[in-house]
N, C-alpha and C. Protein backbone atom coordinates (compact mmCIF):
# COMPACT_ATOMS: atom_id res chain seq x y z
N UNK A 1 0.62 -1.37 0.14
CA UNK A 1 0.12 0.28 -0.08
C UNK A 1 0.74 1.18 -0.14
N UNK A 2 2.04 1.43 0.81
CA UNK A 2 2.74 2.48 0.81
C UNK A 2 3.55 2.72 -0.36
N UNK A 3 4.20 1.68 -1.05
CA UNK A 3 5.03 2.02 -2.18
C UNK A 3 4.53 2.49 -3.48
N UNK A 4 3.05 1.84 -3.91
CA UNK A 4 2.35 2.61 -4.91
C UNK A 4 1.78 3.93 -4.37
N UNK A 5 1.82 4.32 -3.33
CA UNK A 5 1.38 5.67 -2.89
C UNK A 5 2.58 6.62 -3.22
N UNK A 6 3.46 6.30 -2.72
CA UNK A 6 4.52 7.07 -2.67
C UNK A 6 5.17 7.20 -4.22
N UNK A 7 5.24 6.19 -5.13
CA UNK A 7 5.53 6.41 -6.49
C UNK A 7 4.56 7.05 -7.23
N UNK A 8 2.92 6.99 -6.89
CA UNK A 8 2.06 7.73 -7.39
C UNK A 8 2.33 9.38 -7.33
N UNK A 9 2.54 9.58 -5.93
CA UNK A 9 2.63 10.89 -5.68
C UNK A 9 4.32 11.78 -6.25
N UNK A 10 5.17 10.80 -6.59
CA UNK A 10 6.26 11.38 -7.09
C UNK A 10 5.82 11.42 -8.62
N UNK A 11 5.12 10.83 -9.26
CA UNK A 11 4.83 10.62 -10.56
C UNK A 11 4.10 12.23 -10.75
N UNK A 12 3.03 12.50 -9.85
CA UNK A 12 2.34 13.88 -9.88
C UNK A 12 3.14 14.75 -9.98
N UNK A 13 4.07 14.75 -8.88
CA UNK A 13 4.88 15.93 -8.32
C UNK A 13 6.07 16.08 -9.73
N UNK A 14 6.33 15.30 -10.37
CA UNK A 14 7.61 15.34 -11.74
C UNK A 14 6.79 15.96 -12.85
N UNK A 15 5.63 15.26 -13.01
CA UNK A 15 4.66 16.13 -14.01
C UNK A 15 4.41 17.34 -13.84
N UNK A 16 3.95 17.79 -12.62
CA UNK A 16 3.64 19.11 -12.33
C UNK A 16 4.89 20.19 -12.72
N UNK A 17 6.17 19.81 -12.33
CA UNK A 17 7.26 20.30 -12.49
C UNK A 17 7.85 20.37 -13.99
N UNK A 18 7.39 19.37 -14.46
CA UNK A 18 7.89 19.22 -16.18
C UNK A 18 6.80 20.01 -16.88
N UNK A 19 5.71 20.32 -16.53
CA UNK A 19 4.47 21.26 -16.89
C UNK A 19 4.51 22.86 -16.25
N UNK A 20 5.59 23.11 -15.34
CA UNK A 20 5.97 24.53 -15.11
C UNK A 20 4.76 24.66 -13.76
N UNK A 21 4.39 24.07 -13.20
CA UNK A 21 3.46 24.28 -12.14
C UNK A 21 4.05 24.89 -10.71
N UNK A 22 3.53 26.13 -10.46
CA UNK A 22 4.20 26.50 -9.19
C UNK A 22 3.76 26.02 -8.14
N UNK A 23 2.52 25.53 -8.04
CA UNK A 23 2.40 25.17 -6.29
C UNK A 23 1.14 23.79 -6.68
N UNK A 24 1.50 22.82 -5.69
CA UNK A 24 0.83 21.76 -5.78
C UNK A 24 0.07 21.63 -4.30
N UNK A 25 -1.07 21.27 -4.46
CA UNK A 25 -1.71 20.92 -2.79
C UNK A 25 -1.91 19.61 -2.58
N UNK A 26 -1.22 18.90 -1.71
CA UNK A 26 -1.40 17.51 -1.69
C UNK A 26 -2.38 17.41 -0.40
N UNK A 27 -3.25 16.59 -0.46
CA UNK A 27 -3.93 16.24 0.54
C UNK A 27 -4.16 14.95 1.01
N UNK A 28 -4.65 14.65 2.36
CA UNK A 28 -4.10 13.06 2.84
C UNK A 28 -5.18 12.16 2.42
N UNK A 29 -5.12 11.13 2.75
CA UNK A 29 -6.17 10.12 2.45
C UNK A 29 -6.99 9.78 3.82
N UNK A 30 -8.02 8.64 3.71
CA UNK A 30 -8.57 8.13 4.71
C UNK A 30 -8.05 7.71 5.59
N UNK A 31 -6.63 7.13 5.45
CA UNK A 31 -5.62 6.35 6.40
C UNK A 31 -5.46 7.33 7.40
N UNK A 32 -5.48 8.52 7.49
CA UNK A 32 -5.01 9.60 8.47
C UNK A 32 -5.83 9.75 9.76
N UNK A 33 -7.21 9.46 9.17
CA UNK A 33 -8.39 9.71 9.93
C UNK A 33 -9.24 8.57 10.12
N UNK A 34 -9.13 7.71 9.30
CA UNK A 34 -9.79 6.66 9.17
C UNK A 34 -9.93 5.39 10.13
N UNK A 35 -9.06 5.00 10.64
CA UNK A 35 -8.71 3.85 11.33
C UNK A 35 -8.92 4.57 12.88
N UNK A 36 -9.03 3.28 13.86
CA UNK A 36 -9.43 3.77 15.26
C UNK A 36 -10.59 4.13 15.67
N UNK A 37 -11.82 4.04 14.62
CA UNK A 37 -12.62 4.63 14.95
C UNK A 37 -13.94 3.75 14.68
N UNK A 38 -14.46 3.14 15.75
CA UNK A 38 -15.53 2.00 15.69
C UNK A 38 -17.00 2.49 15.97
N UNK A 39 -17.31 3.71 16.46
CA UNK A 39 -18.70 4.20 16.46
C UNK A 39 -18.69 4.84 14.99
N UNK A 40 -20.09 3.93 14.06
CA UNK A 40 -20.33 4.52 13.36
C UNK A 40 -21.13 5.44 13.02
N UNK A 41 -21.86 5.96 14.21
CA UNK A 41 -22.73 7.00 14.53
C UNK A 41 -22.02 8.16 14.69
N UNK A 42 -20.66 8.23 14.75
CA UNK A 42 -20.24 9.65 15.29
C UNK A 42 -19.38 10.16 13.73
N UNK A 43 -19.40 11.40 13.60
CA UNK A 43 -19.08 12.12 12.33
C UNK A 43 -17.50 12.06 12.54
N UNK A 44 -16.44 11.75 11.64
CA UNK A 44 -15.19 12.02 11.88
C UNK A 44 -14.85 13.01 11.01
N UNK A 45 -14.13 13.92 12.02
CA UNK A 45 -13.56 15.34 11.33
C UNK A 45 -12.02 15.31 11.58
N UNK A 46 -11.42 16.63 11.36
CA UNK A 46 -10.00 16.71 11.25
C UNK A 46 -9.30 16.54 12.67
N UNK A 47 -10.43 16.32 13.47
CA UNK A 47 -9.79 16.32 14.68
C UNK A 47 -9.82 14.83 15.52
N UNK A 48 -10.40 13.96 14.64
CA UNK A 48 -10.17 12.46 14.72
C UNK A 48 -9.01 11.69 14.19
N UNK A 49 -7.84 11.68 14.63
CA UNK A 49 -6.74 11.27 13.98
C UNK A 49 -6.54 9.80 14.19
N UNK A 50 -6.12 8.90 13.04
CA UNK A 50 -6.09 7.56 13.75
C UNK A 50 -5.08 7.51 14.50
N UNK A 51 -5.00 6.82 15.34
CA UNK A 51 -4.05 6.17 16.69
C UNK A 51 -2.81 5.27 15.83
N UNK A 52 -1.80 5.97 15.83
CA UNK A 52 -0.66 4.81 15.07
C UNK A 52 -0.28 3.94 15.81
N UNK A 53 -0.61 3.63 17.28
CA UNK A 53 -0.60 2.50 18.03
C UNK A 53 -1.65 1.58 17.49
N UNK A 54 -2.47 1.82 16.83
CA UNK A 54 -3.70 0.68 16.82
C UNK A 54 -2.98 -0.56 16.51
N UNK A 55 -3.22 -1.64 16.88
CA UNK A 55 -2.90 -3.12 16.39
C UNK A 55 -3.30 -3.29 14.73
N UNK A 56 -4.19 -2.90 14.18
CA UNK A 56 -4.54 -3.06 12.79
C UNK A 56 -3.89 -1.87 11.88
N UNK A 57 -3.03 -0.91 12.31
CA UNK A 57 -2.41 0.20 11.50
C UNK A 57 -1.42 -0.35 10.98
N UNK A 58 -1.55 -1.16 10.05
CA UNK A 58 -0.42 -1.65 8.98
C UNK A 58 0.34 -0.65 8.47
N UNK A 59 -0.69 0.19 7.62
CA UNK A 59 -0.24 1.16 6.50
C UNK A 59 0.90 2.39 7.20
N UNK A 60 0.75 2.74 8.64
CA UNK A 60 1.42 3.78 9.25
C UNK A 60 2.77 3.05 9.85
N UNK A 61 2.56 1.78 10.25
CA UNK A 61 3.48 0.92 10.77
C UNK A 61 4.65 0.92 9.61
N UNK A 62 4.22 0.57 8.34
CA UNK A 62 5.12 0.29 6.77
C UNK A 62 5.48 1.54 6.48
N UNK A 63 5.05 2.49 6.64
CA UNK A 63 5.52 4.01 6.20
C UNK A 63 6.42 4.35 7.23
N UNK A 64 6.97 3.91 8.30
CA UNK A 64 7.85 4.39 9.50
C UNK A 64 8.83 3.31 9.36
N UNK A 65 9.19 2.52 8.67
CA UNK A 65 10.08 1.74 8.33
C UNK A 65 10.01 0.54 9.26
């Protein structure tokens, strides 16, 4: 999951550079806030970050080596 995301981001940034783009806005994905929350009745906002210590949070653990 991590390698394809990194590769895709690099392709976009290189294409933007080659096209003369001066600014790129990068947004995050569901993984930043989507895990660690089991209450499906609660609205998830920018205040609800994923707990990196969550047992099933493998994408985060993979990204830090």
